Amino acid sequence: MSNQRIQQFISWMKAKNISAGFITSKANIFYLTKFYTDPHERLVSLLVFQDEAPILVAPNMEREQILACGWDNEIIGYSDTDNPWEFIKKAVEKRGISVQTLAIEKEHMIYQRAEKINEIFTHPTFISAEEKLHELRMIKESEEISILREAAKLADYGVEVGVNSIKEGKTELEVLATIEFELKKKGIREMSFSTMVLTGEKTAAPHGKPGLETIKNGDFVLFDLGVVLEGYCSDITRTVALGNVNDKQREIYETVLKAELDALNICKPGLEIGTIDKTARSIITNKGYGDYFTHRIGHGLGIDVHEFPSMTSTNTNTLKAGMTFTIEPGIYVPKVGGVRIEDDVLITENGFEALTKYPKELQIL
């Protein structure tokens, strides 16, 4: 077995005296095996042992895809009428492994599956696998960084398409459909999350739902979108305006822009993560909009669009080269509107690289 990522996980298991690992999230299975799938309700799991080769458990219909990913260890396949838990139990017993402690993804494991594990392994002690997997996934390898760069370029393109399609009287969903149609022509099958195109007062909702509202003269239009490329996500937000903006709108925009740029420009290895949030938040607060910045400054970015670390003001961990995350300050004033500006950021050996590059100065169309 040559998979370096699995070997790193096994080394951690040995150091912690963990009998086995039972990985079930599609993101971590992809990270460890390069097999990317959405199993819906079906069980897909990776069994990892200290001194035995790992086992991938998946429906039989996925076998060819697993082999195409280069997986050369055992596959336990099953049909929809089989009980995969019986197969897992037999495979572990065949290896003579006593599972006293089991590393699972506590943030992902559902209760019904935990009950099954307790049945077949006789109530092992559960250890959080996230402790190691978050650490491994946080620092990106060169191949991952290359993919994230390309995903960011496609996010930039999505915003460009959206901005170019803005016209008074168009609905949010019309603009959204144009963005996704053009990205699909570029080969993008999946978005990182539900694309957001919001206009007018709806821009004051950080997670607003696009609908049939029409774009009007004087509106802010907020885009929040990202693509999944070869298993990795991008995430960008830009806010533009149609027609004239009033002094309040301009002040909100310029405040968010300064907060975003100042937070971005301090990024370098060794910086405490919480400082990024505090830097942006102090600028927004000093302008009187502190109560309207209602979320953290950003989140880790990679296989999941939201992953470790959480970029909060209380995070005392430090930035390291190879980390990728978002910086996305916002101001959201009910009945007025909102502005968010978001970039994908890579920490380099000496500073940072903004992977998303679509212009941030206020565009009035």
Protein backbone atom coordinates (compact mmCIF):
# COMPACT_ATOMS: atom_id res chain seq x y z
CA MET A 1 0.00 0.00 0.00
CA SER A 2 1.60 3.25 -1.17
CA ASN A 3 -1.09 5.82 -0.40
CA GLN A 4 0.81 8.45 1.60
CA ARG A 5 -2.34 10.05 3.02
CA ILE A 6 -3.60 6.75 4.40
CA GLN A 7 -0.13 6.04 5.79
CA GLN A 8 -0.18 9.37 7.63
CA PHE A 9 -3.56 8.50 9.07
CA ILE A 10 -2.27 5.07 10.14
CA SER A 11 0.75 6.65 11.84
CA TRP A 12 -1.64 8.83 13.84
CA MET A 13 -3.74 5.76 14.73
CA LYS A 14 -0.66 3.95 16.00
CA ALA A 15 0.44 6.94 18.06
CA LYS A 16 -3.04 7.11 19.61
CA ASN A 17 -3.33 3.31 19.95
CA ILE A 18 -6.50 3.24 17.80
CA SER A 19 -7.47 -0.22 16.57
CA ALA A 20 -9.11 0.87 13.31
CA GLY A 21 -10.63 3.74 11.39
CA PHE A 22 -14.10 3.82 9.85
CA ILE A 23 -14.41 6.74 7.42
CA THR A 24 -17.77 7.51 5.83
CA SER A 25 -17.90 11.11 4.54
CA LYS A 26 -17.59 11.50 0.79
CA ALA A 27 -15.02 14.29 1.25
CA ASN A 28 -12.65 12.27 3.43
CA ILE A 29 -13.09 9.11 1.37
CA PHE A 30 -12.14 11.16 -1.70
CA TYR A 31 -9.17 12.68 0.11
CA LEU A 32 -7.84 9.28 1.19
CA THR A 33 -8.71 7.20 -1.90
CA LYS A 34 -9.40 9.61 -4.83
CA PHE A 35 -12.82 7.94 -5.17
CA TYR A 36 -15.46 10.69 -5.39
CA THR A 37 -19.10 9.71 -5.12
CA ASP A 38 -22.38 10.78 -3.59
CA PRO A 39 -23.78 7.54 -2.16
CA HIS A 40 -27.11 9.02 -1.05
CA GLU A 41 -28.48 6.66 1.62
CA ARG A 42 -26.17 3.77 0.71
CA LEU A 43 -23.12 2.99 2.83
CA VAL A 44 -19.71 3.85 1.44
CA SER A 45 -16.92 3.47 3.96
CA LEU A 46 -13.17 3.13 4.23
CA LEU A 47 -11.82 0.71 6.84
CA VAL A 48 -8.26 1.46 7.92
CA PHE A 49 -6.15 -0.77 10.18
CA GLN A 50 -2.78 -0.43 11.87
CA ASP A 51 -1.09 -3.39 10.17
CA GLU A 52 -3.52 -4.65 7.53
CA ALA A 53 -4.38 -3.26 4.10
CA PRO A 54 -7.39 -0.93 4.03
CA ILE A 55 -10.79 -1.96 2.70
CA LEU A 56 -13.22 0.15 0.69
CA VAL A 57 -16.90 -0.73 1.12
CA ALA A 58 -19.25 0.42 -1.65
CA PRO A 59 -22.22 -0.66 -3.76
CA ASN A 60 -21.29 -3.04 -6.58
CA MET A 61 -22.39 -0.42 -9.11
CA GLU A 62 -19.43 1.75 -8.05
CA ARG A 63 -16.72 -0.91 -8.54
CA GLU A 64 -15.50 0.21 -11.96
CA GLN A 65 -15.26 3.84 -10.84
CA ILE A 66 -13.24 2.78 -7.80
CA LEU A 67 -10.81 0.80 -9.95
CA ALA A 68 -10.53 3.73 -12.37
CA CYS A 69 -9.33 5.89 -9.46
CA GLY A 70 -6.34 3.58 -8.99
CA TRP A 71 -7.56 1.80 -5.85
CA ASP A 72 -5.67 -1.51 -5.65
CA ASN A 73 -6.71 -2.78 -2.21
CA GLU A 74 -9.72 -4.88 -1.27
CA ILE A 75 -13.22 -3.75 -2.24
CA ILE A 76 -16.25 -5.09 -0.41
CA GLY A 77 -19.06 -4.68 -2.90
CA TYR A 78 -22.71 -5.25 -2.13
CA SER A 79 -26.09 -5.17 -3.85
CA ASP A 80 -29.19 -3.36 -2.67
CA THR A 81 -30.52 -6.60 -1.17
CA ASP A 82 -27.33 -7.35 0.80
CA ASN A 83 -26.44 -6.32 4.34
CA PRO A 84 -22.99 -4.67 4.02
CA TRP A 85 -22.53 -4.69 7.80
CA GLU A 86 -22.36 -8.51 7.76
CA PHE A 87 -19.62 -8.34 5.12
CA ILE A 88 -17.68 -5.80 7.20
CA LYS A 89 -17.93 -7.96 10.32
CA LYS A 90 -16.66 -11.04 8.47
CA ALA A 91 -13.77 -9.13 6.87
CA VAL A 92 -12.56 -7.82 10.24
CA GLU A 93 -12.96 -11.21 11.95
CA LYS A 94 -11.04 -12.86 9.09
CA ARG A 95 -8.11 -10.55 9.87
CA GLY A 96 -8.27 -11.40 13.57
CA ILE A 97 -8.54 -7.74 14.57
CA SER A 98 -10.07 -6.82 17.92
CA VAL A 99 -11.57 -3.35 17.55
CA GLN A 100 -11.29 -1.78 21.00
CA THR A 101 -11.06 1.81 19.78
CA LEU A 102 -12.42 3.11 16.49
CA ALA A 103 -11.71 6.42 14.76
CA ILE A 104 -14.92 7.77 13.23
CA GLU A 105 -16.01 11.14 11.89
CA LYS A 106 -18.09 12.30 14.82
CA GLU A 107 -19.29 15.31 12.82
CA HIS A 108 -20.65 13.00 10.12
CA MET A 109 -21.61 9.69 11.73
CA ILE A 110 -25.37 9.16 11.96
CA TYR A 111 -26.82 7.41 14.99
CA GLN A 112 -28.20 4.41 13.07
CA ARG A 113 -24.74 3.60 11.75
CA ALA A 114 -23.16 4.07 15.17
CA GLU A 115 -25.61 1.45 16.46
CA LYS A 116 -24.55 -0.96 13.70
CA ILE A 117 -20.89 -0.40 14.54
CA ASN A 118 -21.59 -1.11 18.20
CA GLU A 119 -23.27 -4.37 17.19
CA ILE A 120 -20.48 -5.71 14.99
CA PHE A 121 -17.53 -4.47 17.03
CA THR A 122 -19.06 -4.85 20.54
CA HIS A 123 -19.14 -1.22 21.67
CA PRO A 124 -15.69 0.13 20.82
CA THR A 125 -14.56 3.46 22.21
CA PHE A 126 -15.11 6.13 19.55
CA ILE A 127 -12.27 8.57 18.79
CA SER A 128 -12.70 11.61 16.55
CA ALA A 129 -11.02 10.97 13.18
CA GLU A 130 -11.46 14.67 12.37
CA GLU A 131 -8.60 15.49 14.71
CA LYS A 132 -6.15 14.14 12.14
CA LEU A 133 -8.13 14.53 8.93
CA HIS A 134 -8.70 18.26 9.49
CA GLU A 135 -4.96 18.67 10.05
CA LEU A 136 -4.04 16.72 6.91
CA ARG A 137 -6.55 18.43 4.64
CA MET A 138 -5.76 21.92 5.92
CA ILE A 139 -2.35 22.06 4.19
CA LYS A 140 -2.81 21.64 0.46
CA GLU A 141 -0.38 19.77 -1.77
CA SER A 142 0.82 21.32 -5.03
CA GLU A 143 -1.64 19.28 -7.11
CA GLU A 144 -4.53 20.45 -4.94
CA ILE A 145 -3.41 24.07 -5.23
CA SER A 146 -3.31 23.83 -9.02
CA ILE A 147 -6.90 22.58 -9.09
CA LEU A 148 -8.04 25.27 -6.64
CA ARG A 149 -6.47 27.95 -8.87
CA GLU A 150 -8.43 26.70 -11.86
CA ALA A 151 -11.63 26.43 -9.82
CA ALA A 152 -11.15 30.05 -8.74
CA LYS A 153 -10.72 31.16 -12.36
CA LEU A 154 -14.02 29.53 -13.21
CA ALA A 155 -15.67 31.30 -10.26
CA ASP A 156 -14.32 34.58 -11.62
CA TYR A 157 -15.82 33.68 -14.98
CA GLY A 158 -19.17 32.93 -13.37
CA VAL A 159 -19.29 36.41 -11.83
CA GLU A 160 -18.24 37.97 -15.15
CA VAL A 161 -21.11 36.18 -16.91
CA GLY A 162 -23.53 37.29 -14.22
CA VAL A 163 -22.47 40.93 -14.31
CA ASN A 164 -22.66 41.00 -18.11
CA SER A 165 -26.18 39.58 -18.06
CA ILE A 166 -27.62 42.15 -15.64
CA LYS A 167 -30.43 44.17 -17.15
CA GLU A 168 -33.26 46.09 -15.56
CA GLY A 169 -36.35 43.89 -15.38
CA LYS A 170 -34.47 40.57 -15.41
CA THR A 171 -35.17 38.24 -12.51
CA GLU A 172 -32.59 36.87 -10.11
CA LEU A 173 -33.21 33.36 -11.38
CA GLU A 174 -32.80 34.40 -15.02
CA VAL A 175 -29.32 35.75 -14.27
CA LEU A 176 -28.52 32.68 -12.16
CA ALA A 177 -29.56 30.34 -14.98
CA THR A 178 -27.31 32.20 -17.44
CA ILE A 179 -24.32 31.82 -15.10
CA GLU A 180 -24.78 28.09 -14.60
CA PHE A 181 -25.53 27.45 -18.28
CA GLU A 182 -22.30 29.14 -19.34
CA LEU A 183 -20.29 27.27 -16.69
CA LYS A 184 -21.75 23.98 -17.84
CA LYS A 185 -20.49 24.78 -21.34
CA LYS A 186 -17.05 25.02 -19.69
CA GLY A 187 -17.46 21.49 -18.32
CA ILE A 188 -18.69 22.31 -14.82
CA ARG A 189 -21.21 19.70 -13.70
CA GLU A 190 -21.62 20.76 -10.08
CA MET A 191 -21.63 24.03 -8.16
CA SER A 192 -20.00 24.28 -4.73
CA PHE A 193 -23.38 25.30 -3.25
CA SER A 194 -26.67 26.78 -4.46
CA THR A 195 -25.71 29.81 -6.52
CA MET A 196 -26.91 33.11 -5.12
CA VAL A 197 -28.02 36.08 -7.20
CA LEU A 198 -29.79 38.61 -4.98
CA THR A 199 -31.03 42.09 -5.75
CA GLY A 200 -32.32 45.12 -3.89
CA GLU A 201 -33.29 44.68 -0.25
CA LYS A 202 -32.70 40.93 -0.54
CA THR A 203 -28.95 41.56 -0.57
CA ALA A 204 -29.31 42.20 3.18
CA ALA A 205 -29.81 38.43 3.72
CA PRO A 206 -26.40 36.70 3.88
CA HIS A 207 -28.00 33.42 2.76
CA GLY A 208 -30.91 34.80 0.75
CA LYS A 209 -32.85 32.68 -1.75
CA PRO A 210 -32.93 33.81 -5.39
CA GLY A 211 -36.41 34.11 -6.88
CA LEU A 212 -38.49 36.00 -9.39
CA GLU A 213 -37.66 39.44 -8.01
CA THR A 214 -36.62 41.77 -10.83
CA ILE A 215 -33.51 43.93 -10.92
CA LYS A 216 -34.32 47.63 -10.65
CA ASN A 217 -32.35 50.79 -11.25
CA GLY A 218 -30.43 51.74 -8.10
CA ASP A 219 -30.23 48.14 -6.81
CA PHE A 220 -27.22 46.32 -5.51
CA VAL A 221 -26.88 42.88 -7.12
CA LEU A 222 -24.95 40.32 -5.07
CA PHE A 223 -23.39 37.19 -6.56
CA ASP A 224 -22.15 34.32 -4.39
CA LEU A 225 -21.09 31.23 -6.31
CA GLY A 226 -18.45 28.57 -6.74
CA VAL A 227 -17.71 25.48 -8.80
CA VAL A 228 -16.57 21.96 -8.05
CA LEU A 229 -13.58 21.08 -10.21
CA GLU A 230 -11.98 17.63 -9.92
CA GLY A 231 -13.39 17.36 -6.40
CA TYR A 232 -12.31 20.81 -5.16
CA CYS A 233 -14.43 23.91 -4.51
CA SER A 234 -14.18 27.61 -5.19
CA ASP A 235 -16.26 30.35 -3.57
CA ILE A 236 -16.52 34.00 -4.60
CA THR A 237 -18.80 36.90 -3.74
CA ARG A 238 -19.03 40.18 -5.60
CA THR A 239 -21.58 43.00 -5.31
CA VAL A 240 -22.28 45.45 -8.13
CA ALA A 241 -24.88 48.16 -8.69
CA LEU A 242 -27.27 48.99 -11.51
CA GLY A 243 -27.70 52.68 -12.18
CA ASN A 244 -27.03 55.33 -9.57
CA VAL A 245 -26.22 54.45 -5.96
CA ASN A 246 -26.98 56.71 -3.02
CA ASP A 247 -24.47 57.91 -0.44
CA LYS A 248 -25.50 55.21 2.06
CA GLN A 249 -24.94 52.42 -0.46
CA ARG A 250 -21.58 53.84 -1.47
CA GLU A 251 -20.46 54.15 2.17
CA ILE A 252 -21.45 50.54 2.88
CA TYR A 253 -19.60 49.31 -0.19
CA GLU A 254 -16.42 51.25 0.48
CA THR A 255 -16.40 50.11 4.12
CA VAL A 256 -16.66 46.43 3.14
CA LEU A 257 -14.01 46.86 0.45
CA LYS A 258 -11.54 48.43 2.89
CA ALA A 259 -12.26 45.69 5.45
CA GLU A 260 -11.67 42.98 2.85
CA LEU A 261 -8.46 44.49 1.49
CA ASP A 262 -6.98 45.21 4.92
CA ALA A 263 -7.79 41.69 6.14
CA LEU A 264 -6.31 40.21 2.97
CA ASN A 265 -3.11 42.22 3.08
CA ILE A 266 -2.05 41.07 6.55
CA CYS A 267 -2.19 37.38 5.62
CA LYS A 268 1.12 35.56 5.96
CA PRO A 269 2.51 32.47 7.71
CA GLY A 270 2.55 32.81 11.50
CA LEU A 271 -0.36 35.25 11.73
CA GLU A 272 -3.00 34.31 14.32
CA ILE A 273 -6.19 33.48 12.42
CA GLY A 274 -8.38 35.55 14.73
CA THR A 275 -6.46 38.69 13.74
CA ILE A 276 -7.97 38.51 10.24
CA ASP A 277 -11.52 38.67 11.57
CA LYS A 278 -10.64 41.36 14.12
CA THR A 279 -8.99 43.52 11.45
CA ALA A 280 -12.02 43.51 9.17
CA ARG A 281 -14.52 43.77 12.03
CA SER A 282 -12.82 46.80 13.58
CA ILE A 283 -13.07 48.73 10.30
CA ILE A 284 -16.76 47.90 9.92
CA THR A 285 -17.47 48.62 13.58
CA ASN A 286 -15.66 51.96 13.50
CA LYS A 287 -17.93 53.03 10.65
CA GLY A 288 -20.98 52.21 12.76
CA TYR A 289 -21.95 48.97 11.01
CA GLY A 290 -20.64 46.43 13.53
CA ASP A 291 -24.11 45.06 14.30
CA TYR A 292 -24.64 44.40 10.59
CA PHE A 293 -21.58 42.16 10.12
CA THR A 294 -23.26 39.00 11.36
CA HIS A 295 -20.87 36.17 10.48
CA ARG A 296 -17.21 35.16 10.74
CA ILE A 297 -14.65 36.52 8.28
CA GLY A 298 -14.38 33.24 6.39
CA HIS A 299 -13.83 29.49 6.34
CA GLY A 300 -11.39 26.89 5.14
CA LEU A 301 -11.79 25.83 1.52
CA GLY A 302 -10.90 22.66 -0.35
CA ILE A 303 -12.78 19.44 -1.01
CA ASP A 304 -15.62 20.91 1.06
CA VAL A 305 -16.66 24.49 0.43
CA HIS A 306 -16.68 24.98 4.21
CA GLU A 307 -13.90 23.10 5.95
CA PHE A 308 -11.28 23.51 8.66
CA PRO A 309 -10.27 26.02 9.91
CA SER A 310 -13.16 28.22 11.00
CA MET A 311 -11.90 31.79 10.51
CA THR A 312 -13.38 33.30 13.66
CA SER A 313 -12.09 36.10 15.88
CA THR A 314 -11.42 33.58 18.66
CA ASN A 315 -9.27 31.19 16.59
CA THR A 316 -5.76 31.33 18.07
CA ASN A 317 -4.20 28.94 15.53
CA THR A 318 -1.72 30.45 13.10
CA LEU A 319 -1.61 30.56 9.31
CA LYS A 320 0.69 28.10 7.56
CA ALA A 321 1.90 27.90 3.99
CA GLY A 322 -0.48 25.76 1.94
CA MET A 323 -3.65 26.77 3.77
CA THR A 324 -6.60 27.89 1.64
CA PHE A 325 -9.60 29.79 2.95
CA THR A 326 -12.01 32.62 2.23
CA ILE A 327 -12.05 36.22 3.40
CA GLU A 328 -15.58 37.60 3.09
CA PRO A 329 -16.63 40.57 5.21
CA GLY A 330 -20.14 41.92 4.73
CA ILE A 331 -22.60 44.55 5.89
CA TYR A 332 -26.30 43.68 5.79
CA VAL A 333 -28.76 46.47 6.61
CA PRO A 334 -32.43 45.36 6.66
CA LYS A 335 -34.71 47.32 4.31
CA VAL A 336 -31.64 48.92 2.72
CA GLY A 337 -29.46 46.16 1.28
CA GLY A 338 -26.14 44.49 1.77
CA VAL A 339 -22.65 44.12 0.39
CA ARG A 340 -20.27 41.17 0.66
CA ILE A 341 -16.89 40.83 -1.03
CA GLU A 342 -15.21 37.43 -0.90
CA ASP A 343 -11.94 36.02 -2.16
CA ASP A 344 -10.30 32.60 -2.05
CA VAL A 345 -6.87 32.90 -0.43
CA LEU A 346 -3.75 30.72 -0.47
CA ILE A 347 -1.03 31.21 2.12
CA THR A 348 2.39 31.13 0.45
CA GLU A 349 5.85 30.85 2.03
CA ASN A 350 6.12 34.62 2.40
CA GLY A 351 2.59 35.98 2.22
CA PHE A 352 -0.60 35.21 0.34
CA GLU A 353 -2.07 34.74 -3.13
CA ALA A 354 -5.65 35.75 -3.91
CA LEU A 355 -6.91 32.94 -6.14
CA THR A 356 -10.06 34.83 -7.15
CA LYS A 357 -9.23 37.92 -9.15
CA TYR A 358 -12.47 39.46 -10.42
CA PRO A 359 -12.31 43.25 -9.83
CA LYS A 360 -13.54 44.54 -6.47
CA GLU A 361 -13.90 48.26 -7.02
CA LEU A 362 -17.54 49.36 -7.07
CA GLN A 363 -19.00 48.70 -10.51
CA ILE A 364 -22.01 50.83 -11.43
CA LEU A 365 -23.58 49.36 -14.55
